[in-house]
């Protein structure tokens, strides 16, 4: 249980990235960027944006679908470090859970200082004219070392800490959380817009731990039980039939394998997937498809995401049957159909 200024907090959720092998979607339901720009090694998760990839954004966050998504009052903390000789683009922040901006945003860490001897924290709010208003505070600390950045958001105050030491306290324009009639916040981290003022070919953000806790005198909450993540499977060789169950995560390192997919659920695939055959027959049967290709569009669809593409098998009325998250693959539905067994 973390303690700051004599206040004890009860942990609601915590993600120690050093024990992860992939992003924990039980906590972080939203992510964007190339899968190879999320690296789990050396006790941390490193997010990267690179000039060679057009400085595309890489990041993740808690859900921001409505005012009650994300989390409310409490202590938000992130332990992170940066690389010397790089410039802007990193951001650890709380974003309005209703995804409405300008709005109440709190940036725990940003830095444009290539020496990494300073950064800044920023409070944003929607001004009286509807525009974004903000107030920033400079942080003097060696950002190449592990530091923990925290904000305690309570009714009427936001108190900011670095390594457990209070830096400033904001009592103006403090938002209400959803339980108090306002909007929750969605915690996240990203590397974005790194091309502006770039002094290197890449910008990295190393994350070791992120957490959310509530003061012990606050209303009790049930801790999030993060869904257990199946281990990443690395597929090799060629010409094999591989059975994947619901929730499976697999990276294709070989080629020309047949992936036998479940009748329902979600599967995450990456790597050389378009060399494989995707056996969707169980899911197509579960969808109620009549095996008429003229009607396939009623049961099979795809969309493009920041991380790649999503292929969905659903009933004619739109009920979800099977979702394939295809990381790093930006292909149209006809291309996926050409690599699929449907009947």
Protein backbone atom coordinates (compact mmCIF):
# COMPACT_ATOMS: atom_id res chain seq x y z
CA UNK A 1 0.00 0.00 0.00
CA UNK A 2 1.54 3.34 -1.01
CA UNK A 3 1.70 6.14 1.55
CA UNK A 4 2.08 9.87 0.83
CA UNK A 5 1.85 12.67 3.42
CA UNK A 6 0.67 10.16 5.99
CA UNK A 7 -2.24 8.98 3.83
CA UNK A 8 -2.47 5.26 3.10
CA UNK A 9 -3.92 4.11 -0.21
CA UNK A 10 -5.51 0.83 -1.23
CA UNK A 11 -4.31 -0.39 -4.62
CA UNK A 12 -7.12 -0.89 -7.17
CA UNK A 13 -4.87 -2.01 -10.01
CA UNK A 14 -1.13 -2.16 -10.69
CA UNK A 15 0.87 -3.15 -13.78
CA UNK A 16 4.51 -4.10 -13.23
CA UNK A 17 5.76 -4.12 -16.82
CA UNK A 18 8.85 -6.10 -15.89
CA UNK A 19 6.66 -9.17 -15.33
CA UNK A 20 4.74 -8.72 -18.61
CA UNK A 21 5.50 -10.25 -21.99
CA UNK A 22 2.82 -8.28 -23.81
CA UNK A 23 0.41 -5.46 -23.08
CA UNK A 24 -2.14 -6.41 -20.41
CA UNK A 25 -5.45 -5.66 -22.12
CA UNK A 26 -7.23 -6.50 -18.88
CA UNK A 27 -6.01 -3.08 -17.70
CA UNK A 28 -5.16 -1.22 -20.92
CA UNK A 29 -8.13 -1.70 -23.24
CA UNK A 30 -6.89 0.86 -25.80
CA UNK A 31 -3.55 0.80 -27.61
CA UNK A 32 -2.12 2.16 -30.84
CA UNK A 33 1.12 1.97 -32.83
CA UNK A 34 3.19 -0.75 -34.43
CA UNK A 35 3.57 -3.93 -32.40
CA UNK A 36 7.38 -3.80 -32.75
CA UNK A 37 7.37 -0.38 -31.05
CA UNK A 38 6.20 -2.06 -27.80
CA UNK A 39 9.26 -3.81 -26.35
CA UNK A 40 9.21 -5.79 -23.09
CA UNK A 41 12.80 -6.26 -21.88
CA UNK A 42 15.17 -5.33 -19.06
CA UNK A 43 12.35 -5.02 -16.54
CA UNK A 44 10.38 -2.43 -18.49
CA UNK A 45 8.07 -1.66 -21.38
CA UNK A 46 9.67 0.68 -23.92
CA UNK A 47 7.42 2.71 -26.21
CA UNK A 48 9.15 4.03 -29.33
CA UNK A 49 8.37 6.51 -32.09
CA UNK A 50 10.81 6.52 -35.01
CA UNK A 51 11.62 8.86 -37.88
CA UNK A 52 11.89 5.85 -40.21
CA UNK A 53 8.21 5.14 -39.51
CA UNK A 54 7.08 8.72 -40.06
CA UNK A 55 7.13 9.46 -36.31
CA UNK A 56 3.87 7.49 -35.86
CA UNK A 57 2.41 7.55 -32.35
CA UNK A 58 2.75 4.62 -29.94
CA UNK A 59 0.80 4.29 -26.72
CA UNK A 60 -1.94 2.80 -24.56
CA UNK A 61 -4.57 3.90 -22.06
CA UNK A 62 -7.49 2.94 -19.87
CA UNK A 63 -10.95 3.02 -21.53
CA UNK A 64 -12.32 6.45 -22.54
CA UNK A 65 -15.75 5.52 -23.90
CA UNK A 66 -17.93 7.54 -21.51
CA UNK A 67 -17.80 9.68 -18.37
CA UNK A 68 -17.93 6.62 -16.12
CA UNK A 69 -15.07 4.79 -17.85
CA UNK A 70 -11.49 4.95 -16.58
CA UNK A 71 -11.10 5.72 -12.87
CA UNK A 72 -12.13 8.42 -10.41
CA UNK A 73 -10.57 10.16 -7.42
CA UNK A 74 -7.36 8.55 -6.22
CA UNK A 75 -3.59 8.28 -6.58
CA UNK A 76 -2.17 7.70 -10.08
CA UNK A 77 1.52 6.76 -10.30
CA UNK A 78 4.00 5.89 -13.05
CA UNK A 79 7.66 4.94 -12.73
CA UNK A 80 9.59 5.82 -15.87
CA UNK A 81 12.90 6.92 -17.40
CA UNK A 82 13.96 8.64 -20.62
CA UNK A 83 17.00 8.48 -22.92
CA UNK A 84 19.44 11.36 -23.07
CA UNK A 85 19.91 12.99 -26.47
CA UNK A 86 16.25 12.74 -27.46
CA UNK A 87 13.63 15.49 -27.41
CA UNK A 88 9.85 15.84 -27.17
CA UNK A 89 7.00 13.44 -27.70
CA UNK A 90 6.75 11.52 -24.43
CA UNK A 91 3.61 11.93 -22.35
CA UNK A 92 2.22 10.19 -19.25
CA UNK A 93 -1.23 11.58 -18.66
CA UNK A 94 -4.79 11.43 -17.40
CA UNK A 95 -7.24 11.96 -20.26
CA UNK A 96 -10.99 12.75 -19.93
CA UNK A 97 -12.80 9.40 -19.86
CA UNK A 98 -15.55 10.75 -22.13
CA UNK A 99 -12.87 11.57 -24.74
CA UNK A 100 -14.07 15.19 -24.89
CA UNK A 101 -11.33 17.81 -25.30
CA UNK A 102 -10.65 20.56 -24.38
CA UNK A 103 -11.36 19.17 -20.97
CA UNK A 104 -9.79 18.07 -17.71
CA UNK A 105 -6.38 16.60 -18.56
CA UNK A 106 -3.41 16.15 -16.22
CA UNK A 107 0.02 15.47 -17.75
CA UNK A 108 2.27 13.81 -15.17
CA UNK A 109 5.36 14.02 -17.37
CA UNK A 110 6.44 15.64 -20.61
CA UNK A 111 9.93 16.78 -21.61
CA UNK A 112 11.50 18.68 -24.52
CA UNK A 113 14.92 18.83 -22.82
CA UNK A 114 17.39 16.63 -24.72
CA UNK A 115 19.72 16.63 -21.70
CA UNK A 116 16.83 15.01 -19.78
CA UNK A 117 17.60 17.16 -16.74
CA UNK A 118 14.10 18.64 -16.66
CA UNK A 119 10.51 18.03 -17.62
CA UNK A 120 7.13 19.51 -16.79
CA UNK A 121 3.70 18.63 -15.47
CA UNK A 122 0.59 20.35 -16.84
CA UNK A 123 -2.98 20.84 -15.71
CA UNK A 124 -5.47 21.43 -18.57
CA UNK A 125 -9.08 22.60 -18.38
CA UNK A 126 -11.76 23.95 -20.70
CA UNK A 127 -11.74 27.74 -20.48
CA UNK A 128 -14.75 30.03 -20.32
CA UNK A 129 -14.45 30.60 -24.09
CA UNK A 130 -14.42 26.85 -24.77
CA UNK A 131 -10.69 26.77 -25.59
CA UNK A 132 -7.93 24.81 -23.87
CA UNK A 133 -6.45 26.57 -20.84
CA UNK A 134 -3.49 25.17 -18.92
CA UNK A 135 -0.85 25.74 -16.28
CA UNK A 136 2.58 24.04 -16.36
CA UNK A 137 5.17 23.43 -13.63
CA UNK A 138 8.82 22.62 -14.38
CA UNK A 139 10.34 19.49 -12.81
CA UNK A 140 14.10 19.50 -12.12
CA UNK A 141 15.21 15.86 -11.91
CA UNK A 142 17.50 13.48 -13.80
CA UNK A 143 14.98 11.86 -16.12
CA UNK A 144 17.49 9.24 -17.34
CA UNK A 145 17.06 7.58 -13.93
CA UNK A 146 13.97 5.78 -12.66
CA UNK A 147 11.58 8.31 -11.14
CA UNK A 148 8.02 7.91 -9.90
CA UNK A 149 5.53 10.59 -10.93
CA UNK A 150 2.22 10.72 -9.07
CA UNK A 151 -0.90 12.82 -8.81
CA UNK A 152 -3.46 12.49 -6.04
CA UNK A 153 -6.81 13.66 -7.43
CA UNK A 154 -9.40 14.33 -4.76
CA UNK A 155 -12.50 16.52 -4.57
CA UNK A 156 -11.18 20.10 -4.79
CA UNK A 157 -7.47 19.31 -5.18
CA UNK A 158 -4.78 17.75 -7.34
CA UNK A 159 -1.46 17.16 -5.54
CA UNK A 160 1.57 16.31 -7.66
CA UNK A 161 4.56 14.30 -6.41
CA UNK A 162 7.94 13.21 -7.75
CA UNK A 163 9.49 10.27 -5.89
CA UNK A 164 7.06 10.81 -3.05
CA UNK A 165 7.91 14.50 -2.56
CA UNK A 166 5.17 17.06 -3.12
CA UNK A 167 5.97 19.45 -6.00
CA UNK A 168 2.75 21.47 -6.21
CA UNK A 169 -0.90 21.41 -5.25
CA UNK A 170 -3.66 22.67 -7.53
CA UNK A 171 -7.00 23.77 -6.07
CA UNK A 172 -8.30 25.70 -9.10
CA UNK A 173 -10.33 24.23 -11.98
CA UNK A 174 -10.27 20.79 -10.31
CA UNK A 175 -12.77 18.48 -12.03
CA UNK A 176 -15.30 16.21 -10.32
CA UNK A 177 -15.15 12.47 -10.93
CA UNK A 178 -18.10 10.50 -12.27
CA UNK A 179 -19.36 9.41 -8.85
CA UNK A 180 -19.39 13.09 -7.89
CA UNK A 181 -21.39 14.11 -10.96
CA UNK A 182 -18.44 14.75 -13.28
CA UNK A 183 -16.15 12.77 -15.57
CA UNK A 184 -13.55 10.13 -14.71
CA UNK A 185 -10.01 10.10 -16.10
CA UNK A 186 -8.24 7.53 -18.28
CA UNK A 187 -4.60 6.90 -17.33
CA UNK A 188 -2.15 6.20 -20.14
CA UNK A 189 1.25 6.78 -21.73
CA UNK A 190 2.45 7.50 -25.24
CA UNK A 191 5.14 8.84 -27.53
CA UNK A 192 3.44 11.23 -29.94
CA UNK A 193 4.29 14.22 -32.19
CA UNK A 194 7.97 13.41 -31.66
CA UNK A 195 8.87 14.93 -35.04
CA UNK A 196 8.53 18.45 -33.65
CA UNK A 197 11.95 19.66 -32.54
CA UNK A 198 13.44 16.22 -33.18
CA UNK A 199 17.18 15.87 -32.44
CA UNK A 200 17.39 12.09 -32.87
CA UNK A 201 16.01 9.35 -35.11
CA UNK A 202 13.83 7.89 -32.34
CA UNK A 203 12.26 8.79 -29.00
CA UNK A 204 11.85 6.18 -26.24
CA UNK A 205 9.76 6.10 -23.08
CA UNK A 206 10.75 3.38 -20.59
CA UNK A 207 7.93 2.38 -18.23
CA UNK A 208 8.48 0.16 -15.20
CA UNK A 209 5.21 0.38 -13.30
CA UNK A 210 1.85 2.17 -13.43
CA UNK A 211 -0.86 2.00 -10.80
CA UNK A 212 -4.09 3.46 -9.42
CA UNK A 213 -5.03 3.49 -5.73
CA UNK A 214 -7.69 5.06 -3.52
CA UNK A 215 -7.20 6.70 -0.14
CA UNK A 216 -8.05 4.26 2.64
CA UNK A 217 -10.80 6.56 3.92
CA UNK A 218 -12.46 6.67 0.49
CA UNK A 219 -15.46 4.55 -0.45
CA UNK A 220 -14.39 0.95 -0.90
CA UNK A 221 -13.95 -0.41 -4.40
CA UNK A 222 -13.44 -3.88 -5.74
CA UNK A 223 -9.92 -4.31 -7.14
CA UNK A 224 -9.72 -5.03 -10.85
CA UNK A 225 -8.96 -8.65 -11.47
CA UNK A 226 -6.88 -8.39 -14.61
CA UNK A 227 -7.64 -11.24 -16.94
CA UNK A 228 -4.88 -13.80 -17.03
CA UNK A 229 -3.01 -13.42 -20.29
CA UNK A 230 -2.11 -16.52 -22.28
CA UNK A 231 1.56 -16.71 -23.20
CA UNK A 232 2.53 -15.47 -26.64
CA UNK A 233 2.96 -18.39 -29.05
CA UNK A 234 5.68 -18.11 -31.65
CA UNK A 235 4.81 -20.12 -34.74
CA UNK A 236 7.61 -21.46 -36.90
CA UNK A 237 8.09 -23.78 -39.85
CA UNK A 238 5.59 -24.20 -42.68
CA UNK A 239 2.72 -26.38 -43.76
CA UNK A 240 1.52 -27.11 -40.23
CA UNK A 241 -2.00 -26.88 -38.79
CA UNK A 242 -2.05 -24.86 -35.55
CA UNK A 243 -5.10 -24.79 -33.26
CA UNK A 244 -5.68 -21.48 -31.46
CA UNK A 245 -8.23 -21.13 -28.67
CA UNK A 246 -10.19 -18.09 -27.57
CA UNK A 247 -7.88 -15.45 -26.09
CA UNK A 248 -4.79 -16.81 -27.87
CA UNK A 249 -1.93 -14.53 -28.91
CA UNK A 250 0.39 -15.73 -31.66
CA UNK A 251 3.25 -14.36 -33.77
CA UNK A 252 3.93 -16.02 -37.11
CA UNK A 253 7.67 -16.41 -37.66
CA UNK A 254 7.28 -19.11 -40.30
CA UNK A 255 4.97 -19.19 -43.31
CA UNK A 256 2.17 -21.07 -45.07
CA UNK A 257 0.67 -22.57 -41.92
CA UNK A 258 -3.05 -23.15 -41.38
CA UNK A 259 -4.42 -21.46 -38.29
CA UNK A 260 -7.47 -23.30 -36.94
CA UNK A 261 -9.41 -20.50 -35.21
CA UNK A 262 -12.07 -20.88 -32.47
CA UNK A 263 -15.82 -20.61 -32.98
CA UNK A 264 -16.01 -17.55 -30.72
CA UNK A 265 -13.91 -15.12 -28.68
CA UNK A 266 -10.90 -13.01 -29.58
CA UNK A 267 -7.50 -13.92 -31.02
CA UNK A 268 -4.51 -11.60 -31.52
CA UNK A 269 -2.18 -12.36 -34.43
CA UNK A 270 1.00 -10.68 -35.63
CA UNK A 271 3.94 -11.42 -37.88
CA UNK A 272 3.78 -13.08 -41.29
CA UNK A 273 0.02 -13.73 -41.05
CA UNK A 274 -0.84 -13.10 -44.70
CA UNK A 275 1.27 -16.10 -45.69
CA UNK A 276 -1.04 -18.34 -43.67
CA UNK A 277 -4.52 -19.76 -44.18
CA UNK A 278 -7.04 -18.53 -41.61
CA UNK A 279 -9.55 -21.32 -40.94
CA UNK A 280 -12.72 -19.43 -39.98
CA UNK A 281 -15.16 -22.25 -40.65
CA UNK A 282 -16.15 -22.84 -37.01
CA UNK A 283 -16.87 -19.15 -36.46
CA UNK A 284 -18.72 -18.77 -39.76
CA UNK A 285 -20.95 -21.70 -38.82
CA UNK A 286 -21.57 -20.16 -35.38
CA UNK A 287 -22.54 -16.87 -37.06
CA UNK A 288 -25.41 -18.52 -38.92
CA UNK A 289 -23.94 -17.85 -42.38
CA UNK A 290 -25.84 -19.66 -45.14
CA UNK A 291 -22.65 -20.40 -47.14
CA UNK A 292 -23.76 -18.01 -49.88
CA UNK A 293 -20.87 -15.77 -50.89
CA UNK A 294 -23.36 -13.11 -51.96
CA UNK A 295 -24.28 -12.72 -48.27
CA UNK A 296 -20.76 -12.85 -46.82
CA UNK A 297 -20.77 -9.10 -46.05
CA UNK A 298 -23.57 -9.66 -43.52
CA UNK A 299 -21.34 -11.96 -41.46
CA UNK A 300 -17.74 -10.88 -42.07
CA UNK A 301 -16.24 -7.38 -41.88
CA UNK A 302 -12.92 -5.66 -41.26
CA UNK A 303 -11.71 -2.30 -40.03
CA UNK A 304 -8.37 -0.53 -39.75
CA UNK A 305 -6.92 0.37 -36.37
CA UNK A 306 -3.79 2.27 -35.35
CA UNK A 307 -2.09 -1.05 -34.62
CA UNK A 308 -3.22 -2.85 -37.79
CA UNK A 309 -6.60 -4.34 -38.71
CA UNK A 310 -9.50 -6.04 -37.02
CA UNK A 311 -11.40 -8.86 -38.69
CA UNK A 312 -14.85 -9.60 -37.26
CA UNK A 313 -17.18 -12.58 -37.68
CA UNK A 314 -20.68 -11.68 -36.50
CA UNK A 315 -24.30 -12.65 -36.85
CA UNK A 316 -26.50 -11.01 -39.47
CA UNK A 317 -27.92 -8.77 -36.74
CA UNK A 318 -24.42 -7.63 -35.74
CA UNK A 319 -23.84 -9.81 -32.66
CA UNK A 320 -20.13 -10.49 -32.18
CA UNK A 321 -18.92 -14.06 -32.70
CA UNK A 322 -15.13 -13.93 -33.30
CA UNK A 323 -12.73 -10.98 -33.43
CA UNK A 324 -9.23 -11.22 -34.87
CA UNK A 325 -6.83 -8.41 -33.94
CA UNK A 326 -4.26 -8.46 -36.74
CA UNK A 327 -1.35 -6.35 -35.51
CA UNK A 328 0.81 -4.72 -38.16
CA UNK A 329 -1.52 -5.81 -41.00
CA UNK A 330 -3.30 -3.02 -42.87
CA UNK A 331 -5.19 -5.00 -45.48
CA UNK A 332 -8.68 -4.86 -46.98
CA UNK A 333 -11.41 -7.44 -46.44
CA UNK A 334 -10.96 -9.05 -49.91
CA UNK A 335 -7.30 -9.72 -49.07
CA UNK A 336 -8.25 -11.42 -45.82
CA UNK A 337 -10.96 -13.43 -47.61
CA UNK A 338 -8.34 -14.67 -50.07
CA UNK A 339 -6.40 -16.13 -47.14
CA UNK A 340 -9.39 -17.64 -45.34
CA UNK A 341 -11.25 -20.94 -45.26
CA UNK A 342 -14.92 -20.02 -44.88
CA UNK A 343 -16.82 -23.20 -45.71
